[in-house]
Amino acid sequence: MTSSTPLTGLRILVTGGTIDKIYHPTEGRLRFERTHVLDMLQQARVQVCSDCVETVLLKDSLEMQYADRASIAAACDRADEKRLLITHGTDTMVETAAHLADRVPGRTIVFTGAMVPFSVSQSDALFNFGFAQAAARLLSAGVYVAMNGTVFPWDRVRKNREGGWFEDVDVA
């Protein structure tokens, strides 16, 4: 089977989180203006299809409510693709993954995000995003979190807030 672009068969759903924040110098804070997913794809030299990236919302994950998670699940249900990559804030990524695990069966869903925004020097965004793309193409159906060079089943991962990384739930 030939594909017209490397992203054929994969839908990217954007939901916000640190990965898409920018620093606003006059306000002295991070905020959203637009997604950086297309910039990341271009920087990684990935051919972009115009309809493979969908912005569902741009929100800090700490502000996500049930209705936001329902919107993400609806976007997954609408997608023709069986493989989905979701950019998401790291603070409640696992909660949204749990929500989808119960509601969107039969798909490969991979969540990723960043501890440092893509727009800021020394960001982990591009690495996490590229790693998650590969994971979404290779994993069997299920819901996963791909962060820090590791893929975790959604129910076996937690964010280590002190360390600034994701780890297996069995790590002491």
N, C-alpha and C. Protein backbone atom coordinates (compact mmCIF):
# COMPACT_ATOMS: atom_id res chain seq x y z
N MET A 1 0.84 -1.19 0.00
CA MET A 1 0.00 0.00 0.00
C MET A 1 0.88 1.24 0.00
N THR A 2 0.61 2.14 -0.88
CA THR A 2 1.39 3.37 -0.96
C THR A 2 0.63 4.47 -0.24
N SER A 3 1.38 5.30 0.43
CA SER A 3 0.73 6.41 1.11
C SER A 3 1.21 7.72 0.49
N SER A 4 0.31 8.70 0.44
CA SER A 4 0.66 9.97 -0.17
C SER A 4 1.52 10.82 0.75
N THR A 5 1.37 10.65 2.04
CA THR A 5 2.22 11.36 3.00
C THR A 5 2.53 10.41 4.15
N PRO A 6 3.59 10.71 4.90
CA PRO A 6 3.91 9.86 6.05
C PRO A 6 2.80 9.81 7.11
N LEU A 7 1.90 10.78 7.09
CA LEU A 7 0.85 10.80 8.10
C LEU A 7 -0.42 10.11 7.66
N THR A 8 -0.46 9.54 6.47
CA THR A 8 -1.64 8.82 6.03
C THR A 8 -1.96 7.72 7.04
N GLY A 9 -3.23 7.67 7.44
CA GLY A 9 -3.65 6.65 8.39
C GLY A 9 -3.51 7.06 9.84
N LEU A 10 -3.00 8.26 10.09
CA LEU A 10 -2.83 8.76 11.45
C LEU A 10 -3.49 10.12 11.56
N ARG A 11 -4.35 10.29 12.53
CA ARG A 11 -4.96 11.60 12.80
C ARG A 11 -4.34 12.15 14.07
N ILE A 12 -4.00 13.43 14.03
CA ILE A 12 -3.45 14.13 15.19
C ILE A 12 -4.54 15.05 15.73
N LEU A 13 -4.88 14.83 16.99
CA LEU A 13 -5.88 15.66 17.67
C LEU A 13 -5.16 16.56 18.67
N VAL A 14 -5.35 17.85 18.53
CA VAL A 14 -4.71 18.84 19.40
C VAL A 14 -5.69 19.25 20.48
N THR A 15 -5.24 19.22 21.74
CA THR A 15 -6.12 19.63 22.84
C THR A 15 -5.52 20.72 23.72
N GLY A 16 -4.30 21.12 23.44
CA GLY A 16 -3.67 22.17 24.23
C GLY A 16 -2.54 21.63 25.09
N GLY A 17 -2.37 22.19 26.25
CA GLY A 17 -1.29 21.79 27.13
C GLY A 17 -0.03 22.61 26.87
N THR A 18 0.96 22.37 27.68
CA THR A 18 2.22 23.12 27.61
C THR A 18 2.85 23.06 26.23
N ILE A 19 2.72 21.94 25.54
CA ILE A 19 3.34 21.77 24.23
C ILE A 19 2.99 22.94 23.29
N ASP A 20 1.79 23.51 23.41
CA ASP A 20 1.33 24.57 22.52
C ASP A 20 1.35 25.96 23.14
N LYS A 21 1.85 26.11 24.33
CA LYS A 21 1.88 27.44 24.94
C LYS A 21 3.05 28.26 24.42
N ILE A 22 2.86 29.57 24.46
CA ILE A 22 3.95 30.49 24.13
C ILE A 22 4.10 31.46 25.29
N TYR A 23 5.30 32.01 25.41
CA TYR A 23 5.54 33.01 26.46
C TYR A 23 5.14 34.37 25.92
N HIS A 24 4.28 35.05 26.63
CA HIS A 24 3.85 36.39 26.24
C HIS A 24 4.62 37.40 27.10
N PRO A 25 5.61 38.08 26.52
CA PRO A 25 6.51 38.92 27.31
C PRO A 25 5.85 40.10 28.02
N THR A 26 4.82 40.71 27.43
CA THR A 26 4.21 41.86 28.10
C THR A 26 3.32 41.44 29.26
N GLU A 27 2.79 40.20 29.18
CA GLU A 27 1.96 39.70 30.27
C GLU A 27 2.79 38.91 31.28
N GLY A 28 3.98 38.47 30.85
CA GLY A 28 4.84 37.70 31.73
C GLY A 28 4.30 36.33 32.08
N ARG A 29 3.56 35.72 31.14
CA ARG A 29 2.99 34.40 31.40
C ARG A 29 2.88 33.60 30.10
N LEU A 30 2.63 32.31 30.27
CA LEU A 30 2.41 31.43 29.13
C LEU A 30 0.93 31.45 28.77
N ARG A 31 0.67 31.39 27.46
CA ARG A 31 -0.73 31.37 27.01
C ARG A 31 -0.81 30.67 25.65
N PHE A 32 -2.04 30.49 25.17
CA PHE A 32 -2.27 29.87 23.87
C PHE A 32 -2.58 30.93 22.83
N GLU A 33 -2.05 30.73 21.64
CA GLU A 33 -2.46 31.53 20.48
C GLU A 33 -2.93 30.61 19.37
N ARG A 34 -2.18 29.52 19.16
CA ARG A 34 -2.49 28.54 18.12
C ARG A 34 -1.69 27.29 18.42
N THR A 35 -1.98 26.23 17.69
CA THR A 35 -1.19 25.02 17.87
C THR A 35 0.15 25.14 17.14
N HIS A 36 1.15 24.45 17.65
CA HIS A 36 2.47 24.39 17.02
C HIS A 36 2.70 23.06 16.31
N VAL A 37 1.66 22.23 16.21
CA VAL A 37 1.82 20.91 15.62
C VAL A 37 2.32 21.00 14.18
N LEU A 38 1.75 21.88 13.38
CA LEU A 38 2.22 22.00 11.99
C LEU A 38 3.66 22.47 11.94
N ASP A 39 4.06 23.36 12.85
CA ASP A 39 5.46 23.81 12.93
C ASP A 39 6.38 22.64 13.27
N MET A 40 5.95 21.79 14.21
CA MET A 40 6.76 20.64 14.59
C MET A 40 6.90 19.66 13.43
N LEU A 41 5.82 19.43 12.71
CA LEU A 41 5.88 18.54 11.56
C LEU A 41 6.82 19.10 10.49
N GLN A 42 6.72 20.40 10.26
CA GLN A 42 7.60 21.03 9.27
C GLN A 42 9.06 20.95 9.71
N GLN A 43 9.34 21.25 10.97
CA GLN A 43 10.71 21.19 11.48
C GLN A 43 11.29 19.78 11.38
N ALA A 44 10.44 18.78 11.58
CA ALA A 44 10.88 17.39 11.50
C ALA A 44 10.91 16.88 10.05
N ARG A 45 10.54 17.76 9.12
CA ARG A 45 10.53 17.43 7.69
C ARG A 45 9.56 16.30 7.36
N VAL A 46 8.43 16.34 8.02
CA VAL A 46 7.36 15.39 7.75
C VAL A 46 6.39 16.06 6.77
N GLN A 47 6.08 15.39 5.67
CA GLN A 47 5.11 15.92 4.74
C GLN A 47 3.77 16.01 5.44
N VAL A 48 3.13 17.15 5.32
CA VAL A 48 1.90 17.39 6.06
C VAL A 48 0.69 17.27 5.14
N CYS A 49 -0.28 16.51 5.58
CA CYS A 49 -1.56 16.50 4.88
C CYS A 49 -2.46 17.53 5.56
N SER A 50 -3.22 18.23 4.78
CA SER A 50 -3.99 19.35 5.32
C SER A 50 -5.08 18.93 6.30
N ASP A 51 -5.57 17.71 6.17
CA ASP A 51 -6.69 17.32 7.03
C ASP A 51 -6.32 16.29 8.10
N CYS A 52 -5.03 16.03 8.32
CA CYS A 52 -4.65 15.02 9.32
C CYS A 52 -4.48 15.61 10.72
N VAL A 53 -4.52 16.94 10.83
CA VAL A 53 -4.38 17.60 12.12
C VAL A 53 -5.69 18.33 12.42
N GLU A 54 -6.25 18.04 13.59
CA GLU A 54 -7.51 18.65 14.01
C GLU A 54 -7.34 19.27 15.39
N THR A 55 -7.62 20.55 15.49
CA THR A 55 -7.59 21.21 16.80
C THR A 55 -8.96 21.04 17.44
N VAL A 56 -9.00 20.25 18.50
CA VAL A 56 -10.25 20.02 19.23
C VAL A 56 -10.47 21.17 20.20
N LEU A 57 -9.40 21.53 20.91
CA LEU A 57 -9.42 22.67 21.83
C LEU A 57 -7.99 23.04 22.16
N LEU A 58 -7.81 24.21 22.71
CA LEU A 58 -6.50 24.65 23.22
C LEU A 58 -6.73 25.07 24.66
N LYS A 59 -6.38 24.16 25.57
CA LYS A 59 -6.71 24.38 26.98
C LYS A 59 -5.62 23.80 27.87
N ASP A 60 -5.38 24.46 28.98
CA ASP A 60 -4.50 23.90 30.00
C ASP A 60 -5.23 22.70 30.59
N SER A 61 -4.53 21.58 30.72
CA SER A 61 -5.23 20.37 31.16
C SER A 61 -5.77 20.48 32.58
N LEU A 62 -5.22 21.36 33.39
CA LEU A 62 -5.76 21.55 34.73
C LEU A 62 -7.15 22.19 34.70
N GLU A 63 -7.49 22.81 33.58
CA GLU A 63 -8.80 23.45 33.43
C GLU A 63 -9.81 22.56 32.71
N MET A 64 -9.40 21.36 32.30
CA MET A 64 -10.30 20.48 31.57
C MET A 64 -11.42 19.96 32.45
N GLN A 65 -12.59 19.92 31.85
CA GLN A 65 -13.79 19.41 32.50
C GLN A 65 -14.29 18.18 31.75
N TYR A 66 -15.32 17.56 32.29
CA TYR A 66 -15.92 16.38 31.65
C TYR A 66 -16.31 16.70 30.20
N ALA A 67 -16.91 17.85 29.97
CA ALA A 67 -17.35 18.23 28.62
C ALA A 67 -16.18 18.29 27.64
N ASP A 68 -15.01 18.73 28.10
CA ASP A 68 -13.83 18.76 27.24
C ASP A 68 -13.40 17.34 26.87
N ARG A 69 -13.40 16.46 27.84
CA ARG A 69 -13.03 15.07 27.57
C ARG A 69 -14.06 14.41 26.65
N ALA A 70 -15.31 14.76 26.81
CA ALA A 70 -16.35 14.25 25.91
C ALA A 70 -16.12 14.75 24.48
N SER A 71 -15.67 15.98 24.33
CA SER A 71 -15.36 16.53 22.99
C SER A 71 -14.19 15.78 22.36
N ILE A 72 -13.20 15.43 23.17
CA ILE A 72 -12.05 14.67 22.66
C ILE A 72 -12.50 13.28 22.23
N ALA A 73 -13.33 12.65 23.04
CA ALA A 73 -13.86 11.32 22.68
C ALA A 73 -14.69 11.39 21.41
N ALA A 74 -15.48 12.43 21.25
CA ALA A 74 -16.29 12.60 20.04
C ALA A 74 -15.40 12.78 18.81
N ALA A 75 -14.30 13.52 18.96
CA ALA A 75 -13.35 13.69 17.85
C ALA A 75 -12.72 12.36 17.47
N CYS A 76 -12.42 11.54 18.46
CA CYS A 76 -11.88 10.20 18.19
C CYS A 76 -12.91 9.37 17.44
N ASP A 77 -14.16 9.41 17.87
CA ASP A 77 -15.22 8.64 17.22
C ASP A 77 -15.45 9.09 15.78
N ARG A 78 -15.33 10.39 15.52
CA ARG A 78 -15.54 10.93 14.17
C ARG A 78 -14.42 10.57 13.20
N ALA A 79 -13.24 10.35 13.73
CA ALA A 79 -12.06 10.13 12.88
C ALA A 79 -12.20 8.85 12.07
N ASP A 80 -11.85 8.93 10.80
CA ASP A 80 -11.82 7.74 9.95
C ASP A 80 -10.63 6.86 10.30
N GLU A 81 -9.56 7.49 10.77
CA GLU A 81 -8.32 6.77 11.07
C GLU A 81 -8.49 5.93 12.34
N LYS A 82 -7.82 4.79 12.35
CA LYS A 82 -7.83 3.91 13.53
C LYS A 82 -6.67 4.23 14.47
N ARG A 83 -5.73 5.06 14.00
CA ARG A 83 -4.56 5.43 14.80
C ARG A 83 -4.62 6.93 15.08
N LEU A 84 -4.62 7.26 16.37
CA LEU A 84 -4.79 8.65 16.79
C LEU A 84 -3.65 9.06 17.71
N LEU A 85 -3.13 10.25 17.47
CA LEU A 85 -2.13 10.86 18.34
C LEU A 85 -2.78 12.11 18.94
N ILE A 86 -2.77 12.20 20.26
CA ILE A 86 -3.41 13.33 20.93
C ILE A 86 -2.37 14.11 21.71
N THR A 87 -2.22 15.41 21.37
CA THR A 87 -1.37 16.27 22.19
C THR A 87 -2.23 16.78 23.34
N HIS A 88 -1.63 16.80 24.53
CA HIS A 88 -2.43 17.06 25.73
C HIS A 88 -1.51 17.60 26.83
N GLY A 89 -2.07 18.36 27.73
CA GLY A 89 -1.32 18.80 28.90
C GLY A 89 -0.95 17.63 29.78
N THR A 90 0.21 17.70 30.39
CA THR A 90 0.72 16.56 31.16
C THR A 90 0.05 16.37 32.51
N ASP A 91 -0.54 17.41 33.06
CA ASP A 91 -1.10 17.29 34.41
C ASP A 91 -2.30 16.35 34.50
N THR A 92 -3.14 16.33 33.47
CA THR A 92 -4.32 15.45 33.52
C THR A 92 -4.41 14.53 32.31
N MET A 93 -3.29 14.30 31.67
CA MET A 93 -3.23 13.41 30.50
C MET A 93 -3.76 12.02 30.83
N VAL A 94 -3.38 11.49 31.96
CA VAL A 94 -3.78 10.13 32.34
C VAL A 94 -5.30 10.08 32.58
N GLU A 95 -5.88 11.14 33.13
CA GLU A 95 -7.33 11.16 33.35
C GLU A 95 -8.09 11.12 32.03
N THR A 96 -7.61 11.90 31.05
CA THR A 96 -8.27 11.89 29.74
C THR A 96 -8.06 10.54 29.06
N ALA A 97 -6.88 9.96 29.20
CA ALA A 97 -6.62 8.63 28.64
C ALA A 97 -7.60 7.61 29.23
N ALA A 98 -7.83 7.67 30.53
CA ALA A 98 -8.78 6.76 31.18
C ALA A 98 -10.19 6.97 30.62
N HIS A 99 -10.56 8.22 30.40
CA HIS A 99 -11.87 8.54 29.84
C HIS A 99 -12.03 7.88 28.47
N LEU A 100 -11.01 7.98 27.63
CA LEU A 100 -11.09 7.41 26.28
C LEU A 100 -11.03 5.89 26.30
N ALA A 101 -10.26 5.34 27.21
CA ALA A 101 -10.13 3.87 27.28
C ALA A 101 -11.50 3.23 27.48
N ASP A 102 -12.36 3.88 28.20
CA ASP A 102 -13.71 3.36 28.45
C ASP A 102 -14.68 3.64 27.31
N ARG A 103 -14.37 4.60 26.44
CA ARG A 103 -15.36 5.07 25.48
C ARG A 103 -14.98 4.92 24.01
N VAL A 104 -13.71 4.68 23.71
CA VAL A 104 -13.28 4.61 22.31
C VAL A 104 -12.49 3.31 22.10
N PRO A 105 -13.20 2.20 21.97
CA PRO A 105 -12.52 0.91 21.80
C PRO A 105 -12.04 0.70 20.36
N GLY A 106 -11.10 -0.22 20.20
CA GLY A 106 -10.69 -0.65 18.88
C GLY A 106 -9.77 0.28 18.12
N ARG A 107 -9.21 1.26 18.79
CA ARG A 107 -8.30 2.22 18.16
C ARG A 107 -6.97 2.19 18.89
N THR A 108 -5.95 2.66 18.21
CA THR A 108 -4.66 2.90 18.85
C THR A 108 -4.61 4.39 19.14
N ILE A 109 -4.60 4.74 20.42
CA ILE A 109 -4.62 6.14 20.84
C ILE A 109 -3.36 6.39 21.68
N VAL A 110 -2.56 7.35 21.24
CA VAL A 110 -1.32 7.68 21.94
C VAL A 110 -1.37 9.14 22.35
N PHE A 111 -1.19 9.38 23.64
CA PHE A 111 -1.13 10.74 24.19
C PHE A 111 0.33 11.16 24.32
N THR A 112 0.59 12.43 24.06
CA THR A 112 1.91 12.99 24.33
C THR A 112 1.75 14.47 24.67
N GLY A 113 2.81 15.03 25.20
CA GLY A 113 2.82 16.44 25.57
C GLY A 113 4.25 16.88 25.80
N ALA A 114 4.40 17.92 26.59
CA ALA A 114 5.73 18.46 26.87
C ALA A 114 5.75 19.10 28.25
N MET A 115 6.91 19.05 28.86
CA MET A 115 7.12 19.75 30.13
C MET A 115 7.51 21.21 29.87
N VAL A 116 8.10 21.46 28.69
CA VAL A 116 8.54 22.80 28.28
C VAL A 116 7.90 23.07 26.92
N PRO A 117 7.29 24.25 26.71
CA PRO A 117 6.63 24.53 25.44
C PRO A 117 7.56 24.38 24.23
N PHE A 118 7.00 23.97 23.10
CA PHE A 118 7.75 23.86 21.85
C PHE A 118 8.44 25.18 21.52
N SER A 119 7.79 26.29 21.81
CA SER A 119 8.30 27.61 21.46
C SER A 119 9.47 28.08 22.33
N VAL A 120 9.84 27.30 23.34
CA VAL A 120 10.89 27.69 24.28
C VAL A 120 12.13 26.82 24.06
N SER A 121 13.30 27.42 24.16
CA SER A 121 14.55 26.68 24.01
C SER A 121 14.64 25.53 25.00
N GLN A 122 15.25 24.44 24.58
CA GLN A 122 15.44 23.25 25.39
C GLN A 122 14.15 22.49 25.67
N SER A 123 13.16 22.66 24.79
CA SER A 123 11.88 21.97 24.94
C SER A 123 12.03 20.48 24.62
N ASP A 124 11.25 19.68 25.30
CA ASP A 124 11.14 18.25 25.01
C ASP A 124 10.01 17.95 24.03
N ALA A 125 9.34 18.98 23.54
CA ALA A 125 8.14 18.80 22.72
C ALA A 125 8.41 18.04 21.42
N LEU A 126 9.41 18.44 20.66
CA LEU A 126 9.64 17.82 19.36
C LEU A 126 10.01 16.35 19.51
N PHE A 127 10.85 16.03 20.49
CA PHE A 127 11.21 14.64 20.72
C PHE A 127 9.99 13.82 21.10
N ASN A 128 9.22 14.29 22.08
CA ASN A 128 8.03 13.55 22.53
C ASN A 128 7.04 13.37 21.39
N PHE A 129 6.84 14.41 20.60
CA PHE A 129 5.89 14.37 19.49
C PHE A 129 6.32 13.35 18.42
N GLY A 130 7.58 13.37 18.04
CA GLY A 130 8.08 12.42 17.05
C GLY A 130 8.03 10.99 17.56
N PHE A 131 8.42 10.82 18.81
CA PHE A 131 8.38 9.49 19.43
C PHE A 131 6.95 8.96 19.46
N ALA A 132 6.01 9.82 19.79
CA ALA A 132 4.60 9.42 19.87
C ALA A 132 4.05 9.07 18.49
N GLN A 133 4.50 9.77 17.46
CA GLN A 133 4.05 9.42 16.10
C GLN A 133 4.46 8.00 15.75
N ALA A 134 5.71 7.68 16.02
CA ALA A 134 6.20 6.32 15.74
C ALA A 134 5.42 5.29 16.56
N ALA A 135 5.20 5.60 17.83
CA ALA A 135 4.46 4.68 18.70
C ALA A 135 3.05 4.44 18.16
N ALA A 136 2.39 5.52 17.74
CA ALA A 136 1.02 5.40 17.24
C ALA A 136 0.95 4.53 15.99
N ARG A 137 2.00 4.51 15.22
CA ARG A 137 2.03 3.68 14.01
C ARG A 137 2.33 2.22 14.31
N LEU A 138 3.00 1.93 15.42
CA LEU A 138 3.49 0.58 15.68
C LEU A 138 2.70 -0.20 16.73
N LEU A 139 2.02 0.48 17.62
CA LEU A 139 1.34 -0.19 18.72
C LEU A 139 0.03 -0.83 18.28
N SER A 140 -0.37 -1.85 19.01
CA SER A 140 -1.67 -2.46 18.78
C SER A 140 -2.75 -1.58 19.40
N ALA A 141 -4.00 -1.92 19.16
CA ALA A 141 -5.11 -1.14 19.69
C ALA A 141 -5.00 -1.02 21.21
N GLY A 142 -5.30 0.15 21.72
CA GLY A 142 -5.24 0.44 23.14
C GLY A 142 -4.98 1.91 23.33
N VAL A 143 -4.88 2.33 24.59
CA VAL A 143 -4.62 3.72 24.92
C VAL A 143 -3.30 3.79 25.67
N TYR A 144 -2.43 4.68 25.22
CA TYR A 144 -1.06 4.77 25.73
C TYR A 144 -0.66 6.22 25.99
N VAL A 145 0.38 6.36 26.79
CA VAL A 145 1.04 7.64 27.01
C VAL A 145 2.49 7.46 26.55
N ALA A 146 2.93 8.33 25.64
CA ALA A 146 4.31 8.28 25.14
C ALA A 146 5.02 9.56 25.58
N MET A 147 5.87 9.42 26.57
CA MET A 147 6.61 10.56 27.12
C MET A 147 8.01 10.12 27.50
N ASN A 148 8.96 11.03 27.35
CA ASN A 148 10.32 10.81 27.82
C ASN A 148 10.95 9.54 27.26
N GLY A 149 10.64 9.21 26.00
CA GLY A 149 11.24 8.05 25.36
C GLY A 149 10.68 6.72 25.80
N THR A 150 9.53 6.71 26.45
CA THR A 150 8.92 5.48 26.93
C THR A 150 7.43 5.49 26.59
N VAL A 151 6.92 4.32 26.24
CA VAL A 151 5.48 4.16 26.03
C VAL A 151 4.92 3.41 27.22
N PHE A 152 3.85 3.95 27.78
CA PHE A 152 3.20 3.35 28.94
C PHE A 152 1.74 3.04 28.59
N PRO A 153 1.22 1.89 29.01
CA PRO A 153 -0.24 1.72 28.95
C PRO A 153 -0.86 2.79 29.86
N TRP A 154 -2.00 3.32 29.48
CA TRP A 154 -2.59 4.44 30.20
C TRP A 154 -2.79 4.16 31.69
N ASP A 155 -3.03 2.91 32.04
CA ASP A 155 -3.32 2.58 33.43
C ASP A 155 -2.08 2.13 34.22
N ARG A 156 -0.89 2.32 33.65
CA ARG A 156 0.36 1.92 34.30
C ARG A 156 1.33 3.10 34.40
N VAL A 157 0.84 4.32 34.34
CA VAL A 157 1.72 5.49 34.29
C VAL A 157 1.23 6.59 35.22
N ARG A 158 2.20 7.37 35.68
CA ARG A 158 1.89 8.57 36.45
C ARG A 158 2.94 9.63 36.15
N LYS A 159 2.56 10.86 36.39
CA LYS A 159 3.51 11.96 36.23
C LYS A 159 4.25 12.14 37.55
N ASN A 160 5.57 12.12 37.49
CA ASN A 160 6.40 12.41 38.66
C ASN A 160 6.62 13.92 38.66
N ARG A 161 5.86 14.62 39.44
CA ARG A 161 5.90 16.09 39.44
C ARG A 161 7.23 16.64 39.96
N GLU A 162 7.80 15.97 40.93
CA GLU A 162 9.09 16.43 41.47
C GLU A 162 10.21 16.25 40.46
N GLY A 163 10.21 15.14 39.75
CA GLY A 163 11.26 14.86 38.78
C GLY A 163 11.03 15.47 37.42
N GLY A 164 9.76 15.73 37.07
CA GLY A 164 9.44 16.31 35.79
C GLY A 164 9.44 15.29 34.66
N TRP A 165 9.01 14.06 34.96
CA TRP A 165 8.93 13.01 33.93
C TRP A 165 7.78 12.08 34.24
N PHE A 166 7.50 11.18 33.31
CA PHE A 166 6.49 10.15 33.52
C PHE A 166 7.19 8.85 33.86
N GLU A 167 6.50 8.04 34.70
CA GLU A 167 7.11 6.78 35.16
C GLU A 167 6.03 5.74 35.34
N ASP A 168 6.45 4.49 35.39
CA ASP A 168 5.56 3.37 35.65
C ASP A 168 5.00 3.52 37.06
N VAL A 169 3.77 3.13 37.26
CA VAL A 169 3.14 3.28 38.58
C VAL A 169 3.82 2.45 39.66
N ASP A 170 4.60 1.43 39.27
CA ASP A 170 5.27 0.59 40.24
C ASP A 170 6.59 1.16 40.74
N VAL A 171 7.04 2.28 40.17
CA VAL A 171 8.29 2.89 40.61
C VAL A 171 8.10 3.46 42.01
N ALA A 172 8.99 3.11 42.90
CA ALA A 172 8.84 3.58 44.29
C ALA A 172 9.37 4.97 44.47
